Amino acid sequence: MKFLFDLFPLILFFGVYKYGDSHQDWAHGLATQYLGGLIAGGVVPPGQSAILLATAVAIVATFLQIGYLLVRGRKVDNMLWVTLAVIVVAGGATIYFHDDTFIKWKPTILYWAFGVALLVAQVFYRKNLIRSVMEAQIKLPDPVWSRVGYAWIAFFFAVGLLNLVMAFVVFRSDTSAWVSFKVFGITAIFFGFVIVQTLFLSKHIQEDA
């Protein structure tokens, strides 16, 4: 359930974009009605309507995520606050300038922000944030925890770079393909990384037991 909750804005972004891309008259009418006043020049380009609607929905969904947690009296993770800040800035720029370049940069900015946060904490403050999250579930030797931390740092920087390559090189003229990659490709890469890491760590967990 938490997994679906975390993916809530992404799922809505994908659904709204795909529907709007295949129903452009509907998307253009809705974007003009609700986003026209937020766009420079006040005119919504028909070809950008789907991505603008999807971006607006993702921003609202992220606010709803945080609002739900606050109402329930639950802690809002720092990562979610960072996600909100990035999507508001990048998504807001996408809507205002009616240019999908900004929303395409959003995943990279987010991943690199996570990578920098992990790197600064581990190198300058001697605090392994990955260990802080995972240590309650598994016990590992200190040197292994250090490697796990650096592995996640490298992973976030690599995925951020991969997103730029896919967005502006491979799928430069195909926003629909990039959206599919963002939802399914990057999610699969995350799962693959976690599986490989789990297999790598299994021997250390067994030894600790």
N, C-alpha and C. Protein backbone atom coordinates (compact mmCIF):
# COMPACT_ATOMS: atom_id res chain seq x y z
N MET A 1 0.83 -1.21 0.00
CA MET A 1 0.00 0.00 0.00
C MET A 1 0.86 1.26 0.00
N LYS A 2 1.94 1.26 0.81
CA LYS A 2 2.82 2.43 0.85
C LYS A 2 3.48 2.65 -0.51
N PHE A 3 3.79 1.54 -1.20
CA PHE A 3 4.40 1.64 -2.53
C PHE A 3 3.48 2.40 -3.48
N LEU A 4 2.18 2.05 -3.47
CA LEU A 4 1.22 2.73 -4.34
C LEU A 4 1.04 4.18 -3.92
N PHE A 5 1.06 4.41 -2.60
CA PHE A 5 0.93 5.78 -2.10
C PHE A 5 2.10 6.64 -2.59
N ASP A 6 3.31 6.08 -2.53
CA ASP A 6 4.49 6.82 -2.97
C ASP A 6 4.44 7.12 -4.47
N LEU A 7 3.85 6.20 -5.23
CA LEU A 7 3.78 6.36 -6.69
C LEU A 7 2.54 7.12 -7.16
N PHE A 8 1.71 7.55 -6.23
CA PHE A 8 0.43 8.19 -6.56
C PHE A 8 0.58 9.32 -7.58
N PRO A 9 1.47 10.31 -7.36
CA PRO A 9 1.60 11.39 -8.35
C PRO A 9 2.10 10.89 -9.70
N LEU A 10 3.03 9.93 -9.67
CA LEU A 10 3.58 9.40 -10.92
C LEU A 10 2.53 8.66 -11.73
N ILE A 11 1.70 7.87 -11.05
CA ILE A 11 0.63 7.13 -11.73
C ILE A 11 -0.36 8.09 -12.36
N LEU A 12 -0.74 9.14 -11.62
CA LEU A 12 -1.67 10.13 -12.17
C LEU A 12 -1.05 10.88 -13.34
N PHE A 13 0.23 11.24 -13.21
CA PHE A 13 0.94 11.93 -14.29
C PHE A 13 0.88 11.09 -15.56
N PHE A 14 1.20 9.82 -15.44
CA PHE A 14 1.21 8.93 -16.59
C PHE A 14 -0.19 8.79 -17.19
N GLY A 15 -1.19 8.54 -16.34
CA GLY A 15 -2.55 8.34 -16.83
C GLY A 15 -3.11 9.56 -17.54
N VAL A 16 -2.94 10.73 -16.93
CA VAL A 16 -3.46 11.96 -17.52
C VAL A 16 -2.74 12.27 -18.83
N TYR A 17 -1.41 12.08 -18.84
CA TYR A 17 -0.68 12.38 -20.07
C TYR A 17 -1.11 11.47 -21.21
N LYS A 18 -1.17 10.16 -20.94
CA LYS A 18 -1.50 9.21 -22.00
C LYS A 18 -2.92 9.44 -22.52
N TYR A 19 -3.84 9.71 -21.61
CA TYR A 19 -5.22 9.96 -22.05
C TYR A 19 -5.29 11.27 -22.85
N GLY A 20 -4.62 12.30 -22.33
CA GLY A 20 -4.64 13.59 -23.02
C GLY A 20 -3.94 13.54 -24.36
N ASP A 21 -2.88 12.73 -24.45
CA ASP A 21 -2.15 12.63 -25.72
C ASP A 21 -2.98 11.96 -26.80
N SER A 22 -3.87 11.06 -26.38
CA SER A 22 -4.72 10.37 -27.36
C SER A 22 -6.08 11.05 -27.53
N HIS A 23 -6.37 12.07 -26.71
CA HIS A 23 -7.60 12.85 -26.82
C HIS A 23 -7.21 14.33 -26.75
N GLN A 24 -6.56 14.80 -27.79
CA GLN A 24 -5.96 16.12 -27.75
C GLN A 24 -6.98 17.26 -27.66
N ASP A 25 -8.13 17.09 -28.27
CA ASP A 25 -9.15 18.14 -28.17
C ASP A 25 -9.61 18.30 -26.72
N TRP A 26 -9.82 17.18 -26.05
CA TRP A 26 -10.21 17.20 -24.63
C TRP A 26 -9.12 17.86 -23.80
N ALA A 27 -7.87 17.44 -24.04
CA ALA A 27 -6.75 17.97 -23.27
C ALA A 27 -6.58 19.47 -23.50
N HIS A 28 -6.72 19.90 -24.75
CA HIS A 28 -6.54 21.31 -25.06
C HIS A 28 -7.64 22.15 -24.43
N GLY A 29 -8.87 21.66 -24.47
CA GLY A 29 -9.97 22.40 -23.86
C GLY A 29 -9.80 22.53 -22.35
N LEU A 30 -9.41 21.44 -21.71
CA LEU A 30 -9.23 21.45 -20.26
C LEU A 30 -8.04 22.32 -19.85
N ALA A 31 -6.95 22.20 -20.59
CA ALA A 31 -5.76 23.00 -20.28
C ALA A 31 -6.03 24.48 -20.47
N THR A 32 -6.76 24.81 -21.53
CA THR A 32 -7.10 26.21 -21.77
C THR A 32 -7.99 26.76 -20.67
N GLN A 33 -8.94 25.96 -20.22
CA GLN A 33 -9.88 26.40 -19.19
C GLN A 33 -9.21 26.62 -17.84
N TYR A 34 -8.35 25.67 -17.44
CA TYR A 34 -7.80 25.71 -16.09
C TYR A 34 -6.37 26.24 -16.00
N LEU A 35 -5.63 26.21 -17.09
CA LEU A 35 -4.24 26.62 -17.03
C LEU A 35 -3.93 27.85 -17.86
N GLY A 36 -4.91 28.30 -18.65
CA GLY A 36 -4.68 29.44 -19.52
C GLY A 36 -4.16 30.67 -18.80
N GLY A 37 -4.68 30.91 -17.59
CA GLY A 37 -4.26 32.08 -16.84
C GLY A 37 -2.89 31.95 -16.21
N LEU A 38 -2.32 30.75 -16.22
CA LEU A 38 -1.01 30.52 -15.63
C LEU A 38 0.10 30.46 -16.66
N ILE A 39 -0.26 30.59 -17.92
CA ILE A 39 0.70 30.41 -19.01
C ILE A 39 1.10 31.75 -19.60
N ALA A 40 2.36 31.89 -19.89
CA ALA A 40 2.85 33.12 -20.51
C ALA A 40 2.14 33.33 -21.85
N GLY A 41 1.52 34.48 -22.01
CA GLY A 41 0.78 34.77 -23.23
C GLY A 41 -0.66 34.31 -23.17
N GLY A 42 -1.00 33.46 -22.21
CA GLY A 42 -2.37 33.01 -22.03
C GLY A 42 -2.89 32.05 -23.07
N VAL A 43 -2.02 31.57 -23.96
CA VAL A 43 -2.45 30.66 -25.03
C VAL A 43 -1.78 29.30 -24.82
N VAL A 44 -2.59 28.26 -24.75
CA VAL A 44 -2.06 26.90 -24.57
C VAL A 44 -1.80 26.27 -25.93
N PRO A 45 -0.55 25.93 -26.24
CA PRO A 45 -0.28 25.25 -27.52
C PRO A 45 -0.93 23.86 -27.51
N PRO A 46 -1.71 23.52 -28.51
CA PRO A 46 -2.39 22.22 -28.52
C PRO A 46 -1.46 21.04 -28.31
N GLY A 47 -0.28 21.10 -28.90
CA GLY A 47 0.65 19.99 -28.79
C GLY A 47 1.24 19.81 -27.40
N GLN A 48 1.13 20.85 -26.56
CA GLN A 48 1.67 20.79 -25.20
C GLN A 48 0.59 20.57 -24.15
N SER A 49 -0.65 20.47 -24.56
CA SER A 49 -1.76 20.41 -23.60
C SER A 49 -1.66 19.20 -22.68
N ALA A 50 -1.34 18.04 -23.23
CA ALA A 50 -1.31 16.82 -22.42
C ALA A 50 -0.24 16.89 -21.34
N ILE A 51 0.96 17.33 -21.69
CA ILE A 51 2.04 17.38 -20.72
C ILE A 51 1.78 18.46 -19.67
N LEU A 52 1.13 19.55 -20.07
CA LEU A 52 0.81 20.60 -19.11
C LEU A 52 -0.23 20.12 -18.11
N LEU A 53 -1.26 19.43 -18.59
CA LEU A 53 -2.28 18.88 -17.69
C LEU A 53 -1.66 17.86 -16.75
N ALA A 54 -0.88 16.95 -17.29
CA ALA A 54 -0.26 15.91 -16.47
C ALA A 54 0.65 16.52 -15.40
N THR A 55 1.38 17.55 -15.76
CA THR A 55 2.27 18.22 -14.81
C THR A 55 1.47 18.88 -13.69
N ALA A 56 0.39 19.57 -14.05
CA ALA A 56 -0.45 20.21 -13.05
C ALA A 56 -1.05 19.19 -12.10
N VAL A 57 -1.50 18.07 -12.63
CA VAL A 57 -2.08 17.01 -11.80
C VAL A 57 -1.03 16.43 -10.86
N ALA A 58 0.19 16.25 -11.34
CA ALA A 58 1.25 15.71 -10.49
C ALA A 58 1.58 16.66 -9.34
N ILE A 59 1.57 17.96 -9.62
CA ILE A 59 1.82 18.95 -8.56
C ILE A 59 0.73 18.86 -7.49
N VAL A 60 -0.53 18.85 -7.93
CA VAL A 60 -1.65 18.77 -6.99
C VAL A 60 -1.59 17.46 -6.20
N ALA A 61 -1.27 16.36 -6.87
CA ALA A 61 -1.21 15.05 -6.21
C ALA A 61 -0.14 15.03 -5.13
N THR A 62 0.99 15.69 -5.37
CA THR A 62 2.06 15.74 -4.37
C THR A 62 1.63 16.56 -3.16
N PHE A 63 0.93 17.66 -3.40
CA PHE A 63 0.37 18.43 -2.29
C PHE A 63 -0.62 17.58 -1.49
N LEU A 64 -1.45 16.81 -2.19
CA LEU A 64 -2.42 15.96 -1.51
C LEU A 64 -1.73 14.88 -0.68
N GLN A 65 -0.65 14.33 -1.19
CA GLN A 65 0.14 13.35 -0.44
C GLN A 65 0.56 13.92 0.91
N ILE A 66 1.18 15.08 0.85
CA ILE A 66 1.69 15.70 2.08
C ILE A 66 0.54 16.10 2.98
N GLY A 67 -0.53 16.65 2.40
CA GLY A 67 -1.69 17.03 3.20
C GLY A 67 -2.29 15.85 3.93
N TYR A 68 -2.38 14.72 3.25
CA TYR A 68 -2.91 13.50 3.87
C TYR A 68 -2.07 13.08 5.07
N LEU A 69 -0.77 13.10 4.90
CA LEU A 69 0.12 12.70 6.00
C LEU A 69 0.01 13.66 7.18
N LEU A 70 -0.08 14.95 6.89
CA LEU A 70 -0.19 15.94 7.97
C LEU A 70 -1.51 15.80 8.72
N VAL A 71 -2.59 15.58 7.99
CA VAL A 71 -3.90 15.42 8.62
C VAL A 71 -3.92 14.18 9.51
N ARG A 72 -3.25 13.13 9.05
CA ARG A 72 -3.20 11.89 9.83
C ARG A 72 -2.17 11.94 10.96
N GLY A 73 -1.47 13.05 11.06
CA GLY A 73 -0.48 13.19 12.12
C GLY A 73 0.79 12.38 11.89
N ARG A 74 1.07 12.06 10.65
CA ARG A 74 2.25 11.26 10.34
C ARG A 74 3.40 12.15 9.90
N LYS A 75 4.60 11.63 10.05
CA LYS A 75 5.79 12.38 9.66
C LYS A 75 5.92 12.43 8.14
N VAL A 76 6.23 13.59 7.63
CA VAL A 76 6.50 13.75 6.20
C VAL A 76 8.00 13.64 6.00
N ASP A 77 8.42 12.63 5.25
CA ASP A 77 9.85 12.42 5.00
C ASP A 77 10.46 13.62 4.29
N ASN A 78 11.72 13.87 4.60
CA ASN A 78 12.43 14.97 3.95
C ASN A 78 12.45 14.80 2.43
N MET A 79 12.54 13.53 1.99
CA MET A 79 12.56 13.27 0.55
C MET A 79 11.28 13.75 -0.13
N LEU A 80 10.15 13.64 0.60
CA LEU A 80 8.89 14.07 0.02
C LEU A 80 8.82 15.59 -0.06
N TRP A 81 9.37 16.27 0.94
CA TRP A 81 9.42 17.73 0.88
C TRP A 81 10.30 18.18 -0.29
N VAL A 82 11.43 17.50 -0.49
CA VAL A 82 12.31 17.84 -1.61
C VAL A 82 11.59 17.59 -2.94
N THR A 83 10.87 16.46 -3.01
CA THR A 83 10.11 16.15 -4.21
C THR A 83 9.09 17.24 -4.51
N LEU A 84 8.40 17.70 -3.47
CA LEU A 84 7.41 18.77 -3.66
C LEU A 84 8.07 20.03 -4.19
N ALA A 85 9.20 20.42 -3.59
CA ALA A 85 9.88 21.64 -4.03
C ALA A 85 10.31 21.54 -5.49
N VAL A 86 10.87 20.39 -5.86
CA VAL A 86 11.37 20.23 -7.23
C VAL A 86 10.22 20.22 -8.23
N ILE A 87 9.14 19.51 -7.91
CA ILE A 87 8.05 19.44 -8.89
C ILE A 87 7.30 20.77 -8.99
N VAL A 88 7.24 21.52 -7.90
CA VAL A 88 6.60 22.84 -7.98
C VAL A 88 7.42 23.78 -8.86
N VAL A 89 8.73 23.77 -8.68
CA VAL A 89 9.59 24.67 -9.47
C VAL A 89 9.66 24.22 -10.93
N ALA A 90 10.02 22.95 -11.15
CA ALA A 90 10.16 22.45 -12.53
C ALA A 90 8.80 22.38 -13.22
N GLY A 91 7.79 21.89 -12.49
CA GLY A 91 6.45 21.80 -13.07
C GLY A 91 5.85 23.17 -13.32
N GLY A 92 6.07 24.09 -12.38
CA GLY A 92 5.56 25.45 -12.56
C GLY A 92 6.18 26.13 -13.77
N ALA A 93 7.48 25.90 -13.96
CA ALA A 93 8.16 26.47 -15.14
C ALA A 93 7.64 25.84 -16.42
N THR A 94 7.38 24.54 -16.37
CA THR A 94 6.82 23.85 -17.54
C THR A 94 5.49 24.46 -17.94
N ILE A 95 4.63 24.69 -16.96
CA ILE A 95 3.30 25.26 -17.24
C ILE A 95 3.42 26.71 -17.72
N TYR A 96 4.19 27.51 -17.01
CA TYR A 96 4.27 28.93 -17.35
C TYR A 96 4.87 29.14 -18.74
N PHE A 97 5.94 28.45 -19.03
CA PHE A 97 6.62 28.63 -20.32
C PHE A 97 6.10 27.68 -21.39
N HIS A 98 5.08 26.85 -21.03
CA HIS A 98 4.54 25.79 -21.87
C HIS A 98 5.65 25.09 -22.65
N ASP A 99 6.62 24.60 -21.87
CA ASP A 99 7.81 23.95 -22.42
C ASP A 99 8.12 22.71 -21.58
N ASP A 100 8.07 21.53 -22.19
CA ASP A 100 8.27 20.30 -21.42
C ASP A 100 9.73 20.05 -21.04
N THR A 101 10.64 20.93 -21.45
CA THR A 101 12.05 20.78 -21.07
C THR A 101 12.21 20.74 -19.56
N PHE A 102 11.46 21.59 -18.87
CA PHE A 102 11.62 21.70 -17.42
C PHE A 102 11.16 20.44 -16.70
N ILE A 103 10.02 19.88 -17.08
CA ILE A 103 9.53 18.67 -16.42
C ILE A 103 10.42 17.48 -16.76
N LYS A 104 11.05 17.51 -17.93
CA LYS A 104 11.98 16.44 -18.27
C LYS A 104 13.24 16.49 -17.41
N TRP A 105 13.60 17.67 -16.95
CA TRP A 105 14.74 17.82 -16.05
C TRP A 105 14.39 17.41 -14.62
N LYS A 106 13.11 17.41 -14.29
CA LYS A 106 12.68 17.18 -12.91
C LYS A 106 13.23 15.89 -12.30
N PRO A 107 13.12 14.72 -12.96
CA PRO A 107 13.67 13.51 -12.35
C PRO A 107 15.17 13.60 -12.08
N THR A 108 15.91 14.19 -13.03
CA THR A 108 17.35 14.32 -12.86
C THR A 108 17.69 15.21 -11.68
N ILE A 109 17.02 16.35 -11.58
CA ILE A 109 17.27 17.25 -10.45
C ILE A 109 16.98 16.53 -9.14
N LEU A 110 15.89 15.78 -9.10
CA LEU A 110 15.49 15.07 -7.89
C LEU A 110 16.52 14.00 -7.51
N TYR A 111 16.91 13.17 -8.49
CA TYR A 111 17.88 12.11 -8.20
C TYR A 111 19.22 12.69 -7.79
N TRP A 112 19.66 13.73 -8.47
CA TRP A 112 20.94 14.32 -8.12
C TRP A 112 20.88 15.00 -6.75
N ALA A 113 19.72 15.57 -6.41
CA ALA A 113 19.57 16.16 -5.07
C ALA A 113 19.70 15.08 -4.00
N PHE A 114 19.07 13.92 -4.24
CA PHE A 114 19.20 12.81 -3.29
C PHE A 114 20.66 12.36 -3.21
N GLY A 115 21.31 12.24 -4.37
CA GLY A 115 22.70 11.81 -4.40
C GLY A 115 23.61 12.76 -3.65
N VAL A 116 23.42 14.05 -3.86
CA VAL A 116 24.23 15.06 -3.16
C VAL A 116 23.99 15.00 -1.66
N ALA A 117 22.72 14.86 -1.25
CA ALA A 117 22.39 14.78 0.17
C ALA A 117 23.08 13.58 0.82
N LEU A 118 23.03 12.43 0.16
CA LEU A 118 23.69 11.23 0.69
C LEU A 118 25.21 11.43 0.76
N LEU A 119 25.77 12.02 -0.30
CA LEU A 119 27.21 12.22 -0.36
C LEU A 119 27.69 13.18 0.73
N VAL A 120 27.02 14.31 0.87
CA VAL A 120 27.41 15.29 1.88
C VAL A 120 27.30 14.69 3.28
N ALA A 121 26.19 13.99 3.54
CA ALA A 121 25.99 13.39 4.86
C ALA A 121 27.08 12.36 5.17
N GLN A 122 27.42 11.54 4.18
CA GLN A 122 28.37 10.45 4.43
C GLN A 122 29.81 10.94 4.49
N VAL A 123 30.18 11.90 3.64
CA VAL A 123 31.57 12.35 3.58
C VAL A 123 31.88 13.41 4.63
N PHE A 124 30.99 14.38 4.78
CA PHE A 124 31.29 15.52 5.65
C PHE A 124 30.74 15.37 7.06
N TYR A 125 29.64 14.63 7.23
CA TYR A 125 29.04 14.49 8.55
C TYR A 125 29.15 13.08 9.11
N ARG A 126 29.79 12.18 8.34
CA ARG A 126 29.96 10.80 8.79
C ARG A 126 28.65 10.14 9.17
N LYS A 127 27.61 10.47 8.44
CA LYS A 127 26.30 9.89 8.70
C LYS A 127 25.80 9.20 7.43
N ASN A 128 25.59 7.91 7.54
CA ASN A 128 25.11 7.13 6.41
C ASN A 128 23.58 7.09 6.44
N LEU A 129 22.95 7.89 5.57
CA LEU A 129 21.49 8.00 5.60
C LEU A 129 20.82 6.71 5.17
N ILE A 130 21.44 5.96 4.27
CA ILE A 130 20.89 4.67 3.86
C ILE A 130 20.88 3.71 5.04
N ARG A 131 21.94 3.73 5.80
CA ARG A 131 22.01 2.89 7.00
C ARG A 131 20.92 3.27 8.00
N SER A 132 20.69 4.56 8.15
CA SER A 132 19.66 5.02 9.09
C SER A 132 18.29 4.46 8.73
N VAL A 133 18.03 4.32 7.43
CA VAL A 133 16.73 3.83 6.96
C VAL A 133 16.64 2.32 7.05
N MET A 134 17.73 1.62 6.74
CA MET A 134 17.68 0.17 6.57
C MET A 134 18.12 -0.64 7.78
N GLU A 135 18.81 0.01 8.73
CA GLU A 135 19.45 -0.75 9.80
C GLU A 135 18.45 -1.48 10.70
N ALA A 136 17.23 -0.98 10.78
CA ALA A 136 16.23 -1.65 11.61
C ALA A 136 15.83 -3.00 11.02
N GLN A 137 16.00 -3.16 9.69
CA GLN A 137 15.61 -4.40 9.03
C GLN A 137 16.77 -5.39 8.89
N ILE A 138 17.98 -4.88 8.66
CA ILE A 138 19.12 -5.77 8.46
C ILE A 138 20.33 -5.26 9.23
N LYS A 139 21.20 -6.17 9.59
CA LYS A 139 22.43 -5.84 10.30
C LYS A 139 23.61 -6.18 9.41
N LEU A 140 24.49 -5.20 9.21
CA LEU A 140 25.65 -5.38 8.34
C LEU A 140 26.90 -4.81 9.02
N PRO A 141 28.06 -5.32 8.66
CA PRO A 141 29.31 -4.73 9.17
C PRO A 141 29.46 -3.30 8.69
N ASP A 142 30.18 -2.49 9.45
CA ASP A 142 30.35 -1.07 9.11
C ASP A 142 30.93 -0.86 7.70
N PRO A 143 31.97 -1.60 7.28
CA PRO A 143 32.50 -1.39 5.92
C PRO A 143 31.47 -1.65 4.83
N VAL A 144 30.59 -2.62 5.08
CA VAL A 144 29.55 -2.94 4.08
C VAL A 144 28.54 -1.81 4.00
N TRP A 145 28.17 -1.25 5.14
CA TRP A 145 27.24 -0.12 5.14
C TRP A 145 27.82 1.04 4.33
N SER A 146 29.12 1.26 4.47
CA SER A 146 29.76 2.34 3.72
C SER A 146 29.64 2.10 2.22
N ARG A 147 29.87 0.86 1.80
CA ARG A 147 29.75 0.52 0.37
C ARG A 147 28.31 0.67 -0.12
N VAL A 148 27.36 0.30 0.73
CA VAL A 148 25.95 0.45 0.36
C VAL A 148 25.62 1.92 0.14
N GLY A 149 26.10 2.78 1.04
CA GLY A 149 25.86 4.21 0.90
C GLY A 149 26.41 4.77 -0.39
N TYR A 150 27.65 4.42 -0.71
CA TYR A 150 28.27 4.92 -1.93
C TYR A 150 27.62 4.33 -3.18
N ALA A 151 27.13 3.10 -3.05
CA ALA A 151 26.43 2.48 -4.19
C ALA A 151 25.17 3.26 -4.53
N TRP A 152 24.41 3.68 -3.50
CA TRP A 152 23.20 4.46 -3.74
C TRP A 152 23.54 5.85 -4.30
N ILE A 153 24.62 6.43 -3.82
CA ILE A 153 25.05 7.73 -4.35
C ILE A 153 25.35 7.61 -5.84
N ALA A 154 26.14 6.61 -6.21
CA ALA A 154 26.47 6.40 -7.62
C ALA A 154 25.23 6.10 -8.44
N PHE A 155 24.32 5.34 -7.86
CA PHE A 155 23.10 4.97 -8.57
C PHE A 155 22.25 6.20 -8.88
N PHE A 156 22.06 7.07 -7.90
CA PHE A 156 21.24 8.26 -8.13
C PHE A 156 21.85 9.16 -9.20
N PHE A 157 23.16 9.32 -9.17
CA PHE A 157 23.80 10.16 -10.19
C PHE A 157 23.69 9.51 -11.57
N ALA A 158 23.82 8.19 -11.63
CA ALA A 158 23.75 7.48 -12.91
C ALA A 158 22.34 7.53 -13.50
N VAL A 159 21.33 7.33 -12.66
CA VAL A 159 19.95 7.38 -13.15
C VAL A 159 19.59 8.79 -13.59
N GLY A 160 20.08 9.78 -12.87
CA GLY A 160 19.83 11.17 -13.29
C GLY A 160 20.42 11.45 -14.65
N LEU A 161 21.62 10.97 -14.89
CA LEU A 161 22.25 11.15 -16.20
C LEU A 161 21.51 10.38 -17.28
N LEU A 162 21.09 9.16 -16.95
CA LEU A 162 20.35 8.35 -17.92
C LEU A 162 19.05 9.04 -18.33
N ASN A 163 18.37 9.67 -17.38
CA ASN A 163 17.14 10.38 -17.72
C ASN A 163 17.40 11.48 -18.74
N LEU A 164 18.50 12.21 -18.58
CA LEU A 164 18.83 13.28 -19.54
C LEU A 164 19.09 12.71 -20.93
N VAL A 165 19.79 11.60 -20.97
CA VAL A 165 20.09 10.98 -22.26
C VAL A 165 18.81 10.54 -22.95
N MET A 166 17.91 9.91 -22.18
CA MET A 166 16.67 9.42 -22.77
C MET A 166 15.75 10.58 -23.17
N ALA A 167 15.70 11.62 -22.35
CA ALA A 167 14.79 12.74 -22.60
C ALA A 167 15.23 13.62 -23.75
N PHE A 168 16.55 13.87 -23.84
CA PHE A 168 17.02 14.87 -24.79
C PHE A 168 17.85 14.31 -25.95
N VAL A 169 18.09 13.01 -25.94
CA VAL A 169 18.83 12.39 -27.04
C VAL A 169 17.99 11.29 -27.69
N VAL A 170 17.74 10.24 -26.93
CA VAL A 170 17.02 9.08 -27.49
C VAL A 170 15.58 9.44 -27.85
N PHE A 171 14.87 10.08 -26.93
CA PHE A 171 13.46 10.43 -27.16
C PHE A 171 13.29 11.94 -27.29
N ARG A 172 14.22 12.58 -27.90
CA ARG A 172 14.21 14.04 -28.01
C ARG A 172 12.92 14.58 -28.61
N SER A 173 12.40 13.91 -29.62
CA SER A 173 11.20 14.40 -30.30
C SER A 173 9.97 13.53 -30.01
N ASP A 174 10.04 12.72 -28.96
CA ASP A 174 8.94 11.83 -28.63
C ASP A 174 8.68 11.87 -27.13
N THR A 175 7.91 12.87 -26.70
CA THR A 175 7.63 13.03 -25.27
C THR A 175 6.86 11.83 -24.71
N SER A 176 5.98 11.25 -25.52
CA SER A 176 5.21 10.11 -25.07
C SER A 176 6.11 8.94 -24.70
N ALA A 177 7.13 8.69 -25.52
CA ALA A 177 8.06 7.60 -25.23
C ALA A 177 8.86 7.90 -23.96
N TRP A 178 9.23 9.16 -23.78
CA TRP A 178 9.96 9.52 -22.56
C TRP A 178 9.10 9.31 -21.33
N VAL A 179 7.83 9.69 -21.39
CA VAL A 179 6.93 9.50 -20.26
C VAL A 179 6.84 8.01 -19.90
N SER A 180 6.73 7.16 -20.90
CA SER A 180 6.68 5.71 -20.65
C SER A 180 7.97 5.23 -20.02
N PHE A 181 9.11 5.73 -20.51
CA PHE A 181 10.39 5.35 -19.92
C PHE A 181 10.48 5.82 -18.48
N LYS A 182 10.03 7.04 -18.22
CA LYS A 182 10.09 7.61 -16.87
C LYS A 182 9.30 6.75 -15.89
N VAL A 183 8.14 6.28 -16.31
CA VAL A 183 7.27 5.51 -15.41
C VAL A 183 7.73 4.06 -15.31
N PHE A 184 7.92 3.41 -16.44
CA PHE A 184 8.21 1.98 -16.41
C PHE A 184 9.71 1.68 -16.41
N GLY A 185 10.47 2.40 -17.25
CA GLY A 185 11.89 2.13 -17.35
C GLY A 185 12.64 2.42 -16.06
N ILE A 186 12.47 3.63 -15.53
CA ILE A 186 13.19 4.00 -14.31
C ILE A 186 12.72 3.16 -13.12
N THR A 187 11.41 2.88 -13.05
CA THR A 187 10.91 2.03 -11.97
C THR A 187 11.53 0.65 -12.03
N ALA A 188 11.63 0.09 -13.23
CA ALA A 188 12.26 -1.23 -13.39
C ALA A 188 13.73 -1.19 -13.01
N ILE A 189 14.41 -0.10 -13.35
CA ILE A 189 15.82 0.04 -12.99
C ILE A 189 15.99 0.08 -11.48
N PHE A 190 15.10 0.80 -10.79
CA PHE A 190 15.15 0.84 -9.33
C PHE A 190 14.97 -0.55 -8.74
N PHE A 191 13.98 -1.28 -9.22
CA PHE A 191 13.75 -2.64 -8.73
C PHE A 191 14.96 -3.53 -9.01
N GLY A 192 15.51 -3.40 -10.20
CA GLY A 192 16.68 -4.21 -10.56
C GLY A 192 17.86 -3.91 -9.65
N PHE A 193 18.08 -2.63 -9.35
CA PHE A 193 19.18 -2.25 -8.47
C PHE A 193 18.99 -2.82 -7.07
N VAL A 194 17.76 -2.74 -6.56
CA VAL A 194 17.47 -3.26 -5.23
C VAL A 194 17.68 -4.78 -5.18
N ILE A 195 17.25 -5.47 -6.23
CA ILE A 195 17.42 -6.93 -6.26
C ILE A 195 18.90 -7.31 -6.29
N VAL A 196 19.68 -6.64 -7.13
CA VAL A 196 21.11 -6.92 -7.22
C VAL A 196 21.79 -6.62 -5.89
N GLN A 197 21.43 -5.51 -5.29
CA GLN A 197 22.02 -5.15 -4.00
C GLN A 197 21.66 -6.16 -2.92
N THR A 198 20.40 -6.61 -2.92
CA THR A 198 19.97 -7.60 -1.94
C THR A 198 20.76 -8.89 -2.08
N LEU A 199 20.97 -9.33 -3.31
CA LEU A 199 21.76 -10.54 -3.55
C LEU A 199 23.20 -10.35 -3.08
N PHE A 200 23.75 -9.18 -3.32
CA PHE A 200 25.12 -8.89 -2.90
C PHE A 200 25.24 -8.89 -1.37
N LEU A 201 24.23 -8.37 -0.70
CA LEU A 201 24.30 -8.23 0.75
C LEU A 201 23.90 -9.50 1.50
N SER A 202 23.27 -10.43 0.81
CA SER A 202 22.71 -11.60 1.50
C SER A 202 23.77 -12.37 2.28
N LYS A 203 24.97 -12.51 1.73
CA LYS A 203 26.01 -13.28 2.42
C LYS A 203 26.45 -12.56 3.70
N HIS A 204 26.45 -11.24 3.67
CA HIS A 204 26.82 -10.49 4.87
C HIS A 204 25.74 -10.58 5.94
N ILE A 205 24.49 -10.57 5.51
CA ILE A 205 23.38 -10.70 6.46
C ILE A 205 23.43 -12.08 7.11
N GLN A 206 23.70 -13.12 6.33
CA GLN A 206 23.78 -14.48 6.86
C GLN A 206 24.95 -14.61 7.83
N GLU A 207 26.07 -14.01 7.50
CA GLU A 207 27.22 -14.08 8.38
C GLU A 207 26.93 -13.38 9.70
N ASP A 208 26.24 -12.25 9.61
CA ASP A 208 25.92 -11.51 10.83
C ASP A 208 24.99 -12.30 11.72
N ALA A 209 24.04 -13.08 11.08
CA ALA A 209 23.11 -13.86 11.85
C ALA A 209 23.82 -14.99 12.57
